């Protein structure tokens, strides 16, 4: 059974476009997971392994490109406040339970009706702006590689349009960046995956995890990883992924992975936009991405391999992911609500933006109904 209400979804295929698209979200995933592994003392090998496994499962289940991403709120707070593996594991387990429950029954359908389209579009716009901000930080760290990356992506995009061939810009850029990294730093040594070890939180880890990590992450996961991803799948591929099924896979991936050293994971509209932008059209891109992560986990279970690629290259990739995501945010029923949420997400947080955006959306709806009552057709 697939995860869509539309049976006319594509057959899984493996070609150069799917290979290029499989790397479309790496610019978001790799910097976050490497930083969290370093700060929290998690084993990067098992983080990569579970990313690989769930990329493959998602590709087989949905048969369209559905990304697997680190939970961004948890990642950012863990990096900023040096949160330990116990609290991260507690947050992942709690969120796994929450979204597994929300994915059963009619909960997700009710939430989809309760949260206006303009609010979800605003979350998309806010995420696009945050990705641009992140890209700007990467650009400042390595402007030469950033400019090089943008030039490669734009040049190959224009050439592909001129010659009517697939856009392989991300694939070309990643391989050029890897080649440059090997020339500068040398060939990385093989680092094999270490034996597994359980990462079980203590009772004392659950209370701070709930207040600091779970509540803000749950709001972002609900809006961006589930509802916005469902909406974007319709925009991009005319296939609406069912929010309840997205919620269930998020619940399962965390309950299965986090106790064994995996990082809390979700889906994401930004990742879908990135994979689609660079050529992914089927679940084959997911399976390829999963294979890459499993190989990294088994044989390159350390940061040296991935750190061969300059952060400037990640920044260049993120620019075009953000533009793809922002393009669809304008398909809104209320430009005022969407822009307000986008700006507040950038200035404050997505949690603040969500609640203010919800209040504004319902206020505008109330005013519209009052005006209709005073001025009936």
Protein backbone atom coordinates (compact mmCIF):
# COMPACT_ATOMS: atom_id res chain seq x y z
CA UNK A 1 0.00 0.00 0.00
CA UNK A 2 1.33 3.45 -0.85
CA UNK A 3 1.07 6.57 1.30
CA UNK A 4 -1.09 8.57 -1.08
CA UNK A 5 -4.76 8.96 -1.85
CA UNK A 6 -3.84 9.13 -5.56
CA UNK A 7 -3.10 5.78 -7.18
CA UNK A 8 -1.60 7.42 -10.30
CA UNK A 9 1.85 7.81 -8.78
CA UNK A 10 5.00 7.02 -10.76
CA UNK A 11 6.85 3.75 -10.83
CA UNK A 12 10.16 3.80 -8.98
CA UNK A 13 13.04 4.40 -11.35
CA UNK A 14 16.80 4.80 -11.10
CA UNK A 15 18.51 7.22 -13.50
CA UNK A 16 20.82 10.23 -13.45
CA UNK A 17 17.99 12.62 -12.57
CA UNK A 18 17.01 10.50 -9.57
CA UNK A 19 20.68 10.29 -8.55
CA UNK A 20 21.04 14.07 -8.75
CA UNK A 21 17.77 14.63 -6.88
CA UNK A 22 18.76 12.16 -4.16
CA UNK A 23 21.39 14.67 -3.00
CA UNK A 24 19.05 17.66 -3.11
CA UNK A 25 18.54 17.70 0.67
CA UNK A 26 22.10 16.87 1.71
CA UNK A 27 22.88 20.56 2.25
CA UNK A 28 20.32 20.60 5.07
CA UNK A 29 20.94 17.14 6.55
CA UNK A 30 24.73 16.86 6.72
CA UNK A 31 25.71 20.10 8.50
CA UNK A 32 23.04 19.57 11.19
CA UNK A 33 23.75 15.91 11.95
CA UNK A 34 27.51 16.41 12.02
CA UNK A 35 27.19 19.33 14.43
CA UNK A 36 24.76 17.48 16.72
CA UNK A 37 26.94 14.36 16.75
CA UNK A 38 29.96 16.44 17.71
CA UNK A 39 28.24 18.48 20.46
CA UNK A 40 26.05 15.73 21.96
CA UNK A 41 28.56 12.90 21.63
CA UNK A 42 26.32 10.72 19.43
CA UNK A 43 27.78 8.10 17.08
CA UNK A 44 27.58 9.58 13.57
CA UNK A 45 27.66 6.05 12.13
CA UNK A 46 24.28 5.11 13.63
CA UNK A 47 22.80 8.48 12.73
CA UNK A 48 23.76 7.82 9.09
CA UNK A 49 22.59 4.20 9.28
CA UNK A 50 19.06 5.05 10.41
CA UNK A 51 18.81 7.91 7.91
CA UNK A 52 19.70 5.38 5.22
CA UNK A 53 17.20 2.79 6.39
CA UNK A 54 14.30 5.25 6.61
CA UNK A 55 15.12 6.91 3.30
CA UNK A 56 14.76 3.49 1.66
CA UNK A 57 11.55 2.64 3.55
CA UNK A 58 10.01 6.03 2.67
CA UNK A 59 10.90 5.58 -0.99
CA UNK A 60 9.30 2.14 -1.13
CA UNK A 61 6.23 3.23 0.85
CA UNK A 62 5.41 6.51 -0.90
CA UNK A 63 7.07 5.94 -4.30
CA UNK A 64 7.66 9.69 -4.67
CA UNK A 65 10.59 11.69 -3.18
CA UNK A 66 9.80 12.07 0.52
CA UNK A 67 12.86 13.27 2.48
CA UNK A 68 14.03 12.10 5.88
CA UNK A 69 15.50 15.01 7.84
CA UNK A 70 16.82 15.74 11.32
CA UNK A 71 14.26 17.44 13.53
CA UNK A 72 15.47 21.01 13.17
CA UNK A 73 14.34 22.50 16.48
CA UNK A 74 16.01 19.67 18.40
CA UNK A 75 19.16 19.98 16.28
CA UNK A 76 19.46 23.74 16.67
CA UNK A 77 18.78 23.74 20.44
CA UNK A 78 21.08 20.76 21.00
CA UNK A 79 23.89 22.56 19.18
CA UNK A 80 23.30 25.91 20.89
CA UNK A 81 22.88 24.57 24.45
CA UNK A 82 25.08 21.43 24.29
CA UNK A 83 22.19 19.14 25.23
CA UNK A 84 23.20 15.57 26.00
CA UNK A 85 22.17 12.30 24.33
CA UNK A 86 19.71 11.41 27.13
CA UNK A 87 17.50 14.45 26.60
CA UNK A 88 17.72 14.09 22.82
CA UNK A 89 16.63 10.44 23.09
CA UNK A 90 13.80 11.37 25.49
CA UNK A 91 12.55 14.01 23.05
CA UNK A 92 12.70 11.57 20.13
CA UNK A 93 10.75 8.90 22.04
CA UNK A 94 8.07 11.37 23.21
CA UNK A 95 7.66 12.77 19.70
CA UNK A 96 7.52 9.24 18.29
CA UNK A 97 4.60 8.42 20.59
CA UNK A 98 2.84 11.72 19.84
CA UNK A 99 2.96 11.36 16.06
CA UNK A 100 2.18 7.65 16.06
CA UNK A 101 -1.00 8.47 18.04
CA UNK A 102 -1.87 11.46 15.83
CA UNK A 103 -1.49 9.22 12.78
CA UNK A 104 -4.25 6.91 14.00
CA UNK A 105 -7.97 7.67 13.87
CA UNK A 106 -9.17 11.03 12.55
CA UNK A 107 -6.81 13.34 14.42
CA UNK A 108 -4.75 14.46 11.45
CA UNK A 109 -7.82 15.14 9.28
CA UNK A 110 -9.23 17.37 12.01
CA UNK A 111 -5.95 19.26 12.36
CA UNK A 112 -5.72 19.70 8.58
CA UNK A 113 -9.20 21.30 8.58
CA UNK A 114 -8.46 23.42 11.65
CA UNK A 115 -5.17 24.90 10.39
CA UNK A 116 -5.82 27.23 7.42
CA UNK A 117 -3.95 26.82 4.15
CA UNK A 118 -2.49 30.32 4.52
CA UNK A 119 -0.82 29.32 7.82
CA UNK A 120 0.81 26.26 6.26
CA UNK A 121 1.99 28.39 3.32
CA UNK A 122 3.41 30.84 5.87
CA UNK A 123 5.40 28.05 7.51
CA UNK A 124 6.75 27.19 4.04
CA UNK A 125 7.78 30.81 3.50
CA UNK A 126 9.30 31.03 6.97
CA UNK A 127 11.35 27.90 6.37
CA UNK A 128 12.50 29.29 3.01
CA UNK A 129 13.69 32.48 4.72
CA UNK A 130 15.46 30.49 7.46
CA UNK A 131 17.19 28.36 4.82
CA UNK A 132 18.37 31.54 3.09
CA UNK A 133 19.66 32.81 6.44
CA UNK A 134 21.53 29.53 7.00
CA UNK A 135 22.87 29.73 3.47
CA UNK A 136 24.15 33.23 4.20
CA UNK A 137 26.08 31.89 7.19
CA UNK A 138 27.67 29.18 5.04
CA UNK A 139 28.49 31.78 2.39
CA UNK A 140 30.37 33.92 4.92
CA UNK A 141 32.39 30.88 6.06
CA UNK A 142 33.54 30.05 2.54
CA UNK A 143 32.49 32.63 -0.08
CA UNK A 144 34.70 31.22 -2.86
CA UNK A 145 33.07 27.78 -2.79
CA UNK A 146 29.66 29.41 -2.39
CA UNK A 147 30.07 31.49 -5.54
CA UNK A 148 31.55 28.49 -7.32
CA UNK A 149 28.54 26.37 -6.31
CA UNK A 150 25.97 28.95 -7.40
CA UNK A 151 27.74 29.37 -10.73
CA UNK A 152 27.77 25.60 -11.32
CA UNK A 153 24.06 25.24 -10.48
CA UNK A 154 22.95 28.20 -12.60
CA UNK A 155 25.22 27.29 -15.51
CA UNK A 156 24.10 23.65 -15.67
CA UNK A 157 20.46 24.65 -15.20
CA UNK A 158 20.63 27.03 -18.18
CA UNK A 159 22.52 24.47 -20.27
CA UNK A 160 19.96 21.76 -19.44
CA UNK A 161 17.12 24.04 -20.50
CA UNK A 162 18.94 24.94 -23.72
CA UNK A 163 19.78 21.34 -24.65
CA UNK A 164 16.59 19.91 -23.08
CA UNK A 165 18.47 17.41 -20.90
CA UNK A 166 18.10 16.58 -17.17
CA UNK A 167 19.43 19.13 -14.69
CA UNK A 168 22.33 17.32 -12.99
CA UNK A 169 23.73 20.40 -11.28
CA UNK A 170 23.66 19.01 -7.72
CA UNK A 171 25.35 15.79 -8.81
CA UNK A 172 28.10 17.62 -10.70
CA UNK A 173 28.60 20.07 -7.82
CA UNK A 174 28.86 17.34 -5.15
CA UNK A 175 31.43 15.37 -7.15
CA UNK A 176 33.49 18.48 -7.97
CA UNK A 177 33.42 19.50 -4.30
CA UNK A 178 34.48 16.00 -3.20
CA UNK A 179 37.32 16.03 -5.72
CA UNK A 180 38.51 19.43 -4.49
CA UNK A 181 38.30 18.21 -0.87
CA UNK A 182 40.40 15.13 -1.63
CA UNK A 183 43.02 17.28 -3.39
CA UNK A 184 43.26 19.56 -0.35
CA UNK A 185 42.87 17.08 2.53
CA UNK A 186 43.78 13.74 0.98
CA UNK A 187 41.76 10.53 0.69
CA UNK A 188 39.81 9.85 3.93
CA UNK A 189 40.56 6.67 5.85
CA UNK A 190 38.00 3.92 6.21
CA UNK A 191 36.21 4.08 9.59
CA UNK A 192 33.99 1.07 10.23
CA UNK A 193 30.72 1.13 12.15
CA UNK A 194 31.20 0.39 15.84
CA UNK A 195 29.08 -2.20 17.73
CA UNK A 196 25.61 -0.90 18.67
CA UNK A 197 24.87 0.55 22.09
CA UNK A 198 21.48 1.46 23.52
CA UNK A 199 20.85 5.17 24.15
CA UNK A 200 18.12 5.08 26.79
CA UNK A 201 17.06 8.28 28.57
CA UNK A 202 16.79 8.48 32.34
CA UNK A 203 13.54 9.50 34.02
CA UNK A 204 15.04 12.93 34.78
CA UNK A 205 15.62 13.53 31.05
CA UNK A 206 11.93 13.57 30.07
CA UNK A 207 10.77 16.75 31.88
CA UNK A 208 13.39 19.15 30.40
CA UNK A 209 13.07 17.41 27.03
CA UNK A 210 9.31 17.99 27.01
CA UNK A 211 9.50 21.70 27.79
CA UNK A 212 12.60 22.67 25.83
CA UNK A 213 12.54 20.34 22.82
CA UNK A 214 9.25 18.49 22.33
CA UNK A 215 6.65 21.29 22.32
CA UNK A 216 8.33 23.61 19.76
CA UNK A 217 9.44 20.65 17.62
CA UNK A 218 5.93 19.13 17.63
CA UNK A 219 4.47 22.33 16.18
CA UNK A 220 7.11 22.51 13.45
CA UNK A 221 6.74 18.81 12.63
CA UNK A 222 2.96 19.07 12.42
CA UNK A 223 3.00 22.10 10.12
CA UNK A 224 6.14 21.66 8.02
CA UNK A 225 6.97 17.95 8.10
CA UNK A 226 3.38 16.74 7.72
CA UNK A 227 0.83 19.31 6.50
CA UNK A 228 3.21 21.40 4.36
CA UNK A 229 4.80 18.25 2.90
CA UNK A 230 1.34 16.90 2.03
CA UNK A 231 0.42 20.21 0.40
CA UNK A 232 3.69 20.48 -1.51
CA UNK A 233 3.42 16.95 -2.88
CA UNK A 234 0.19 18.06 -4.54
CA UNK A 235 1.82 21.24 -5.88
CA UNK A 236 4.87 19.48 -7.30
CA UNK A 237 3.68 16.05 -8.34
CA UNK A 238 -0.15 16.20 -8.28
CA UNK A 239 -0.07 13.47 -5.63
CA UNK A 240 -1.35 14.28 -2.16
CA UNK A 241 0.46 12.33 0.52
CA UNK A 242 -1.92 11.58 3.37
CA UNK A 243 -1.00 13.51 6.55
CA UNK A 244 -1.98 10.59 8.80
CA UNK A 245 0.49 8.25 7.06
CA UNK A 246 3.27 10.84 7.18
CA UNK A 247 2.59 11.17 10.91
CA UNK A 248 2.75 7.41 11.43
CA UNK A 249 6.08 7.01 9.62
CA UNK A 250 7.53 9.87 11.67
CA UNK A 251 6.32 8.17 14.85
CA UNK A 252 7.72 4.80 13.88
CA UNK A 253 11.09 6.08 12.64
CA UNK A 254 11.73 7.77 15.98
CA UNK A 255 10.52 4.95 18.24
CA UNK A 256 12.60 2.41 16.30
CA UNK A 257 15.75 4.49 15.73
CA UNK A 258 16.34 6.83 18.65
CA UNK A 259 16.94 4.15 21.35
CA UNK A 260 19.70 2.68 19.16
CA UNK A 261 21.59 5.92 18.59
CA UNK A 262 19.58 7.46 15.77
CA UNK A 263 18.80 11.16 15.76
CA UNK A 264 15.15 12.35 15.99
CA UNK A 265 13.90 12.47 12.38
CA UNK A 266 10.94 13.70 10.37
CA UNK A 267 9.91 14.47 6.81
CA UNK A 268 9.96 18.06 5.49
CA UNK A 269 8.64 20.37 2.79
CA UNK A 270 12.06 21.95 2.34
CA UNK A 271 13.69 18.60 1.68
CA UNK A 272 10.99 17.64 -0.79
CA UNK A 273 11.47 20.95 -2.61
CA UNK A 274 15.22 20.36 -2.74
CA UNK A 275 14.98 16.81 -4.05
CA UNK A 276 12.43 17.83 -6.67
CA UNK A 277 14.42 20.92 -7.69
CA UNK A 278 17.49 18.81 -8.49
CA UNK A 279 15.67 16.10 -10.43
CA UNK A 280 13.94 13.62 -8.11
CA UNK A 281 10.52 12.47 -9.32
CA UNK A 282 10.11 8.98 -7.82
CA UNK A 283 10.99 6.97 -4.72
CA UNK A 284 14.13 5.86 -6.54
CA UNK A 285 15.83 9.05 -5.34
CA UNK A 286 15.03 8.05 -1.76
CA UNK A 287 16.47 4.58 -2.23
CA UNK A 288 19.66 6.01 -3.76
CA UNK A 289 20.00 8.52 -0.89
CA UNK A 290 19.45 5.71 1.58
CA UNK A 291 22.16 3.64 -0.06
CA UNK A 292 24.60 6.55 0.18
CA UNK A 293 23.90 7.00 3.91
CA UNK A 294 24.24 3.27 4.61
CA UNK A 295 27.63 3.19 2.82
CA UNK A 296 28.76 6.23 4.83
CA UNK A 297 27.61 4.50 8.03
CA UNK A 298 29.34 1.19 7.33
CA UNK A 299 32.66 2.43 5.99
CA UNK A 300 33.04 6.18 6.70
CA UNK A 301 31.49 6.47 10.18
CA UNK A 302 33.25 9.69 11.02
CA UNK A 303 33.04 13.35 10.06
CA UNK A 304 36.20 13.33 7.92
CA UNK A 305 34.49 12.05 4.79
CA UNK A 306 31.58 14.47 4.76
CA UNK A 307 33.71 17.40 5.93
CA UNK A 308 35.61 17.10 2.64
CA UNK A 309 32.76 19.12 1.12
CA UNK A 310 33.02 22.82 1.92
CA UNK A 311 30.13 24.47 3.77
CA UNK A 312 30.06 27.01 0.94
CA UNK A 313 28.80 24.22 -1.34
CA UNK A 314 26.02 23.38 1.13
CA UNK A 315 25.14 27.08 1.17
CA UNK A 316 24.81 27.16 -2.61
CA UNK A 317 22.50 24.13 -2.56
CA UNK A 318 20.34 25.69 0.16
CA UNK A 319 19.75 28.87 -1.86
CA UNK A 320 17.96 26.96 -4.59
CA UNK A 321 16.08 24.75 -2.14
CA UNK A 322 14.78 27.92 -0.46
CA UNK A 323 13.73 29.47 -3.77
CA UNK A 324 11.85 26.31 -4.78
CA UNK A 325 10.03 26.27 -1.44
CA UNK A 326 9.23 30.01 -1.48
CA UNK A 327 7.79 29.74 -4.98
CA UNK A 328 4.99 27.50 -3.72
CA UNK A 329 4.37 29.55 -0.58
CA UNK A 330 2.77 32.26 -2.74
CA UNK A 331 -0.09 29.90 -3.69
CA UNK A 332 -1.89 31.16 -0.59
CA UNK A 333 -5.45 32.19 0.16
CA UNK A 334 -4.23 35.11 2.32
CA UNK A 335 -1.00 36.87 1.41
CA UNK A 336 -1.18 38.91 4.65
CA UNK A 337 -1.19 35.82 6.87
CA UNK A 338 1.52 34.04 4.87
CA UNK A 339 3.91 37.01 4.83
CA UNK A 340 3.32 37.72 8.52
CA UNK A 341 4.20 34.15 9.48
CA UNK A 342 7.24 34.16 7.20
CA UNK A 343 8.65 37.34 8.74
CA UNK A 344 7.88 36.31 12.33
CA UNK A 345 9.55 32.93 11.74
CA UNK A 346 12.71 34.72 10.71
CA UNK A 347 12.64 37.35 13.47
CA UNK A 348 11.36 35.25 16.40
CA UNK A 349 10.57 31.56 15.93
CA UNK A 350 8.19 29.30 14.03
CA UNK A 351 6.30 28.62 17.26
CA UNK A 352 5.55 32.30 17.81
CA UNK A 353 4.80 32.75 14.11
CA UNK A 354 2.38 29.82 14.11
CA UNK A 355 0.23 31.07 16.99
CA UNK A 356 0.15 34.68 15.79
CA UNK A 357 -0.59 33.50 12.25
CA UNK A 358 -3.46 31.30 13.46
CA UNK A 359 -4.95 34.23 15.40
CA UNK A 360 -4.60 36.54 12.38
CA UNK A 361 -6.11 33.98 9.98
CA UNK A 362 -9.19 33.48 12.14
CA UNK A 363 -9.50 37.22 12.80
CA UNK A 364 -9.52 37.94 9.06
CA UNK A 365 -12.06 35.15 8.54
CA UNK A 366 -14.28 36.67 11.27
CA UNK A 367 -14.03 40.15 9.69
CA UNK A 368 -14.85 38.70 6.27
CA UNK A 369 -17.97 36.97 7.64
CA UNK A 370 -19.08 40.16 9.40
CA UNK A 371 -18.67 42.15 6.19
CA UNK A 372 -20.65 39.54 4.27
CA UNK A 373 -23.44 39.77 6.83
CA UNK A 374 -23.61 43.56 6.48
CA UNK A 375 -23.27 43.49 2.68
CA UNK A 376 -25.04 40.33 1.45
CA UNK A 377 -24.96 39.63 -2.30
